[in-house]
């Protein structure tokens, strides 16, 4: 006869162990999403290079040519692309992870596994796109003979920040979308709006100083500034309080997102 022992806090400990036990499912879901994304496409993974290139061209014309935004002596396409890559990763992960639970509803309703695996695998899929897109950045830096400064050693820190921001927001949106399907309309608006209120096509230095701290409450401000500083050096301005804000907000996003996700996870199979 099997003895069942009920112990306070045991379920929580088992959950984190289950995340490790189901790591193969995590790999499978991430690989499946990558295959589905580029299956039966003419260009294939080239879309990961074409999308940032076309967006870079549009923003260079809008902000650089028409808006006459200062570039600080940097080639404007390079300035835009250094901001575009972290933003594209964040926005792509937010969209993909937001829909992840709903699009895998059949799997959720049939078998047990930590649902966080689905959301995290969607972020990994966008991260792979980010790494592929970085090839275009390397080519552009070679074209403009731009050598990364010593600050490039801090680049993994900012990659980790944007990854954390994407995961934190993804946990919130994916959990909310299970119960409130309206979020499938809200997320595309947030992505489009966020592109223009983040310093993707311009530098944070153009924002009036009295409003800069308020503007830096957007965590992507500090992250994008950090990316540019790591890759372009002193030619790119960096608002240090924005980096501090970003670090604090990413920690809060992950902690609160994980709390809300775990709080609502037990009802996913019933609601979805």
Protein backbone atom coordinates (compact mmCIF):
# COMPACT_ATOMS: atom_id res chain seq x y z
CA UNK A 1 0.00 0.00 0.00
CA UNK A 2 1.37 3.41 -1.01
CA UNK A 3 1.60 6.00 1.75
CA UNK A 4 0.80 9.61 0.82
CA UNK A 5 2.43 12.24 3.01
CA UNK A 6 1.04 15.78 2.85
CA UNK A 7 3.65 18.31 3.91
CA UNK A 8 3.45 22.11 3.85
CA UNK A 9 5.59 23.61 1.09
CA UNK A 10 6.29 20.22 -0.53
CA UNK A 11 4.33 21.06 -3.69
CA UNK A 12 6.38 24.19 -4.27
CA UNK A 13 9.65 22.29 -3.96
CA UNK A 14 8.42 19.57 -6.31
CA UNK A 15 7.43 22.19 -8.86
CA UNK A 16 10.98 23.44 -9.26
CA UNK A 17 12.23 19.88 -9.50
CA UNK A 18 9.62 19.21 -12.17
CA UNK A 19 11.00 22.07 -14.21
CA UNK A 20 14.29 20.20 -14.39
CA UNK A 21 12.61 16.84 -15.01
CA UNK A 22 10.70 18.28 -17.96
CA UNK A 23 13.73 19.95 -19.54
CA UNK A 24 13.44 17.71 -22.61
CA UNK A 25 9.92 19.03 -23.18
CA UNK A 26 11.36 22.53 -22.93
CA UNK A 27 13.92 21.74 -25.66
CA UNK A 28 11.26 20.08 -27.81
CA UNK A 29 8.83 23.02 -27.61
CA UNK A 30 11.54 25.56 -28.44
CA UNK A 31 12.76 23.49 -31.38
CA UNK A 32 9.20 22.91 -32.60
CA UNK A 33 8.43 26.64 -32.53
CA UNK A 34 11.56 27.38 -34.57
CA UNK A 35 10.68 24.74 -37.15
CA UNK A 36 7.07 25.91 -37.44
CA UNK A 37 8.12 29.54 -37.82
CA UNK A 38 10.33 28.91 -40.84
CA UNK A 39 8.63 25.85 -42.31
CA UNK A 40 7.65 26.23 -45.98
CA UNK A 41 9.10 29.75 -46.19
CA UNK A 42 11.06 30.83 -49.23
CA UNK A 43 13.77 32.71 -47.33
CA UNK A 44 13.79 30.53 -44.19
CA UNK A 45 15.86 31.82 -41.30
CA UNK A 46 16.80 34.75 -43.52
CA UNK A 47 13.68 36.47 -42.20
CA UNK A 48 15.59 36.99 -38.96
CA UNK A 49 17.99 39.16 -40.96
CA UNK A 50 15.48 40.78 -43.31
CA UNK A 51 13.14 42.08 -40.60
CA UNK A 52 15.73 44.13 -38.65
CA UNK A 53 17.29 45.32 -41.91
CA UNK A 54 14.00 46.68 -43.29
CA UNK A 55 13.04 48.23 -39.94
CA UNK A 56 16.49 49.80 -39.69
CA UNK A 57 16.10 51.35 -43.15
CA UNK A 58 12.67 52.78 -42.32
CA UNK A 59 13.77 54.25 -38.97
CA UNK A 60 16.96 55.64 -40.51
CA UNK A 61 14.90 57.52 -43.09
CA UNK A 62 12.23 58.68 -40.61
CA UNK A 63 14.49 59.75 -37.74
CA UNK A 64 17.82 60.33 -39.48
CA UNK A 65 16.88 61.86 -42.83
CA UNK A 66 13.49 63.44 -42.19
CA UNK A 67 13.66 64.06 -38.43
CA UNK A 68 17.34 65.15 -38.54
CA UNK A 69 18.03 63.45 -35.21
CA UNK A 70 21.67 63.79 -34.03
CA UNK A 71 23.78 60.66 -34.30
CA UNK A 72 26.76 61.76 -32.20
CA UNK A 73 29.17 61.13 -35.03
CA UNK A 74 28.00 57.54 -35.51
CA UNK A 75 26.60 56.12 -38.75
CA UNK A 76 22.86 56.41 -38.24
CA UNK A 77 22.03 52.88 -39.51
CA UNK A 78 24.44 51.47 -36.93
CA UNK A 79 22.90 53.54 -34.15
CA UNK A 80 19.42 52.31 -35.11
CA UNK A 81 20.39 48.65 -35.43
CA UNK A 82 22.09 48.59 -32.01
CA UNK A 83 18.76 49.72 -30.55
CA UNK A 84 16.62 47.59 -32.84
CA UNK A 85 18.09 44.21 -31.86
CA UNK A 86 17.26 44.29 -28.11
CA UNK A 87 13.87 45.84 -28.85
CA UNK A 88 13.07 43.19 -31.46
CA UNK A 89 14.00 40.44 -29.02
CA UNK A 90 11.86 41.95 -26.25
CA UNK A 91 8.82 42.66 -28.44
CA UNK A 92 9.03 39.30 -30.22
CA UNK A 93 9.29 37.41 -26.94
CA UNK A 94 6.40 39.41 -25.49
CA UNK A 95 4.17 38.51 -28.45
CA UNK A 96 5.22 34.86 -28.69
CA UNK A 97 5.07 34.10 -24.97
CA UNK A 98 1.79 35.98 -24.60
CA UNK A 99 0.08 33.57 -27.01
CA UNK A 100 2.03 30.51 -25.91
CA UNK A 101 -0.45 29.06 -23.40
CA UNK A 102 -3.52 29.64 -25.55
CA UNK A 103 -1.89 28.15 -28.65
CA UNK A 104 -0.91 25.05 -26.62
CA UNK A 105 -4.33 24.64 -24.98
CA UNK A 106 -4.71 21.01 -26.14
CA UNK A 107 -1.45 20.07 -24.46
CA UNK A 108 -2.31 21.91 -21.24
CA UNK A 109 -5.72 20.29 -20.88
CA UNK A 110 -4.47 16.72 -21.38
CA UNK A 111 -1.29 16.19 -19.41
CA UNK A 112 0.48 17.59 -16.36
CA UNK A 113 3.77 19.46 -16.59
CA UNK A 114 4.93 22.85 -15.27
CA UNK A 115 3.20 25.36 -17.56
CA UNK A 116 6.14 27.70 -17.17
CA UNK A 117 7.98 25.44 -19.61
CA UNK A 118 5.76 26.69 -22.46
CA UNK A 119 6.24 30.38 -21.73
CA UNK A 120 10.01 30.06 -21.21
CA UNK A 121 10.45 28.07 -24.44
CA UNK A 122 8.76 30.89 -26.38
CA UNK A 123 11.28 33.36 -24.99
CA UNK A 124 14.11 31.04 -26.05
CA UNK A 125 12.70 30.95 -29.59
CA UNK A 126 12.86 34.75 -29.80
CA UNK A 127 16.35 34.67 -28.31
CA UNK A 128 17.52 32.42 -31.16
CA UNK A 129 16.10 34.97 -33.62
CA UNK A 130 18.04 37.65 -31.74
CA UNK A 131 21.31 35.72 -32.12
CA UNK A 132 20.72 35.23 -35.84
CA UNK A 133 19.92 38.93 -36.30
CA UNK A 134 23.18 39.80 -34.53
CA UNK A 135 25.00 38.48 -37.63
CA UNK A 136 23.68 41.46 -39.55
CA UNK A 137 25.00 43.79 -36.84
CA UNK A 138 28.48 42.26 -37.12
CA UNK A 139 28.42 42.74 -40.89
CA UNK A 140 27.30 46.36 -40.53
CA UNK A 141 30.02 47.13 -37.99
CA UNK A 142 32.62 45.69 -40.37
CA UNK A 143 31.15 47.78 -43.21
CA UNK A 144 31.53 50.99 -41.20
CA UNK A 145 34.91 49.91 -39.74
CA UNK A 146 33.48 50.27 -36.25
CA UNK A 147 35.43 48.38 -33.59
CA UNK A 148 33.66 47.51 -30.34
CA UNK A 149 35.22 49.18 -27.26
CA UNK A 150 36.36 47.49 -24.07
CA UNK A 151 32.83 48.02 -22.73
CA UNK A 152 31.67 45.15 -24.97
CA UNK A 153 32.58 42.87 -22.04
CA UNK A 154 29.45 44.19 -20.29
CA UNK A 155 27.21 43.17 -23.20
CA UNK A 156 26.17 39.82 -21.61
CA UNK A 157 24.82 41.78 -18.64
CA UNK A 158 22.46 43.76 -20.87
CA UNK A 159 21.52 40.63 -22.83
CA UNK A 160 20.57 39.07 -19.49
CA UNK A 161 18.55 42.17 -18.61
CA UNK A 162 16.50 42.11 -21.80
CA UNK A 163 16.03 38.35 -21.43
CA UNK A 164 14.73 38.87 -17.89
CA UNK A 165 12.43 41.68 -19.00
CA UNK A 166 11.02 39.50 -21.80
CA UNK A 167 10.47 36.56 -19.45
CA UNK A 168 8.88 38.70 -16.74
CA UNK A 169 6.45 40.40 -19.13
CA UNK A 170 5.84 37.09 -20.90
CA UNK A 171 4.75 35.40 -17.67
CA UNK A 172 2.32 38.22 -16.93
CA UNK A 173 0.78 38.39 -20.40
CA UNK A 174 0.56 34.62 -20.98
CA UNK A 175 -1.22 34.12 -17.65
CA UNK A 176 -3.54 37.08 -18.22
CA UNK A 177 -4.39 35.99 -21.76
CA UNK A 178 -5.69 32.64 -20.54
CA UNK A 179 -8.46 34.41 -18.65
CA UNK A 180 -8.75 37.66 -20.61
CA UNK A 181 -8.51 37.04 -24.36
CA UNK A 182 -8.69 40.80 -24.98
CA UNK A 183 -4.93 40.85 -24.47
CA UNK A 184 -4.44 39.41 -27.96
CA UNK A 185 -5.53 42.84 -29.22
CA UNK A 186 -3.64 44.81 -26.59
CA UNK A 187 -0.23 43.20 -27.09
CA UNK A 188 0.24 44.26 -30.77
CA UNK A 189 -0.67 47.81 -29.77
CA UNK A 190 1.86 47.77 -26.94
CA UNK A 191 4.56 46.48 -29.31
CA UNK A 192 3.86 49.18 -31.89
CA UNK A 193 3.56 51.94 -29.30
CA UNK A 194 6.65 50.79 -27.42
CA UNK A 195 8.81 51.00 -30.53
CA UNK A 196 8.32 54.76 -30.71
CA UNK A 197 8.57 55.51 -26.99
CA UNK A 198 11.82 53.55 -26.67
CA UNK A 199 15.11 55.04 -27.93
CA UNK A 200 15.35 52.71 -30.92
CA UNK A 201 15.56 55.33 -33.67
CA UNK A 202 17.24 58.03 -31.57
CA UNK A 203 19.41 58.55 -28.50
CA UNK A 204 18.09 59.19 -25.00
CA UNK A 205 20.14 62.40 -24.90
CA UNK A 206 17.57 64.20 -27.10
CA UNK A 207 14.97 63.90 -24.33
CA UNK A 208 14.94 67.10 -22.23
CA UNK A 209 16.88 66.56 -19.02
CA UNK A 210 13.93 67.43 -16.78
CA UNK A 211 11.91 64.60 -18.33
CA UNK A 212 14.74 62.08 -18.71
CA UNK A 213 14.21 60.31 -15.36
CA UNK A 214 10.50 59.91 -16.12
CA UNK A 215 11.31 58.63 -19.60
CA UNK A 216 13.80 56.13 -18.16
CA UNK A 217 11.02 54.41 -16.20
CA UNK A 218 10.61 52.45 -19.42
CA UNK A 219 13.07 49.60 -18.71
CA UNK A 220 14.02 49.34 -22.38
CA UNK A 221 15.58 52.81 -22.19
CA UNK A 222 18.42 51.67 -19.93
CA UNK A 223 18.78 48.37 -21.78
CA UNK A 224 19.02 49.95 -25.25
CA UNK A 225 21.39 52.65 -23.99
CA UNK A 226 23.53 49.89 -22.50
CA UNK A 227 23.61 47.93 -25.74
CA UNK A 228 24.74 50.99 -27.69
CA UNK A 229 27.39 51.90 -25.13
CA UNK A 230 28.80 48.36 -25.17
CA UNK A 231 28.99 48.23 -28.96
CA UNK A 232 29.70 51.87 -29.92
CA UNK A 233 31.53 53.19 -26.88
CA UNK A 234 31.68 56.83 -25.80
CA UNK A 235 30.14 57.98 -29.08
CA UNK A 236 26.83 56.73 -27.71
CA UNK A 237 25.32 58.50 -24.72
CA UNK A 238 24.18 56.36 -21.79
CA UNK A 239 21.83 57.51 -19.05
CA UNK A 240 23.16 55.64 -16.01
CA UNK A 241 20.05 56.14 -13.81
CA UNK A 242 18.11 54.47 -16.64
CA UNK A 243 20.32 51.37 -16.31
CA UNK A 244 19.65 51.28 -12.55
CA UNK A 245 15.91 51.67 -13.17
CA UNK A 246 16.02 48.85 -15.73
CA UNK A 247 17.78 46.48 -13.31
CA UNK A 248 15.27 47.16 -10.52
CA UNK A 249 12.27 46.88 -12.84
CA UNK A 250 13.46 43.63 -14.41
CA UNK A 251 13.86 42.05 -10.96
CA UNK A 252 10.35 43.24 -10.03
CA UNK A 253 8.92 41.98 -13.34
CA UNK A 254 10.39 38.51 -12.87
CA UNK A 255 9.35 38.26 -9.21
CA UNK A 256 5.81 39.56 -9.75
CA UNK A 257 5.36 37.67 -13.02
CA UNK A 258 6.40 34.41 -11.39
CA UNK A 259 4.10 35.08 -8.44
CA UNK A 260 1.06 35.76 -10.64
CA UNK A 261 1.85 32.88 -13.01
CA UNK A 262 2.11 30.37 -10.15
CA UNK A 263 -1.02 31.80 -8.52
CA UNK A 264 -3.17 31.28 -11.63
CA UNK A 265 -1.44 28.20 -13.07
CA UNK A 266 -3.64 25.70 -11.23
CA UNK A 267 -6.71 26.98 -13.10
CA UNK A 268 -5.20 27.06 -16.61
CA UNK A 269 -6.56 23.64 -17.65
CA UNK A 270 -10.10 24.58 -16.52
CA UNK A 271 -10.22 28.09 -17.98
CA UNK A 272 -8.36 27.61 -21.25
